[in-house]
Amino acid sequence: MSTFKTLAAFLAVSALSGCATSTTPMEYMNNHSEAYNIAHAGGLVTDIKDTYVPADSVGSITESMLNLGFVAGGYGSPQLGMTNWQTAGVHLLGNLLEPDSHGARNSLIAWMPASEAGSTEEAQEKFLSHVKVSIEKVMVELGLKHETIYDQNGKLSIYFIKDEWNCPEYSHGITDISDLCEVSVETYEPYKAISPSFISGIESESFIFSPNDGRDFHNLNLITNKKSSVPEDEIYTSISEELSSWTYIYIAPKKVKMKNGETINYPYILNKGQKKLFVTPQ
């Protein structure tokens, strides 16, 4: 990222999301969706957009977005009878976004209550431990054989095995690393600041895990091989259900596959297993 873009991103985050340099938490923007507000409060700013829809159509449109047929078809699915309202911002993200774009990558956002840790280092350790326990619980519930292959320096990698999903067990000299299926997590030290009042279940002051950095950002990703049929969307949702209410997973467009192999074409935020969509009535 160029110096200019780095500076611009920093200024945008400082102004809109209450980052480490700001003492004033972000106020809720009523002209935007809850997902948009959470993303901006957490530091996700670049290429984060809402789609504005007719007020009397919000319910049916959001319901359709959660339907697998609509997910596969994308925003422009003609059988839904949609009109030109969506043409300006339906495909929220293009294919030419830079790797650093907040909107183009899966991220973790969290507001850990300040009372849960005595320092940023301890907060990071506890957060990663909590994420690991949540992932392992989901692995057990799904009946997946799994193994932690890396757990150091804020990074975590748990690989899992299931023949039906084409996720093989590793065999030295036989299995390529690229054939494995894993859950990868990266965390970094948070900062301590006043939390936005609209983030529920937290204290006024929190350790904030903001993934606004261009490269070293908090994230949780499923890494699967091209032949696999892992229901990635279901696993992300299950992990989210196990995480604390103050932890959010941002899912970028075209980054998550369903069990039928189709990718989800729109962004959303997961919190306790519930999808929050970037849709706002107008």
Foldseek 3Di string as FASTA:
>chain_A
DDPVVVVVLVVQLVVFAVAQVHQDGHADDQQWFPFLNVQSVLSQDFLDAFQADAPVCVVVLVVLLPDPVDQQVFQPNCVVVDDPSCVVCRLSDDPPDDLLHSQADKFKKFWAAPVVDDFLVRVLVVQLVLLVVLLVVLCVVVVWDKDWPDDDDQKTKIWTDDVLFQAHDDDPPPDDPLAHKIKIWHFDRFHKHAHHPPQPDYDRIGRIQRQNDRPRHTHIAIRHHPSGLDQFVVSVLSSQLSHDQRMKMKDHAQRGAGSVGRTGGHIWMHHNSDTTHRYGYD
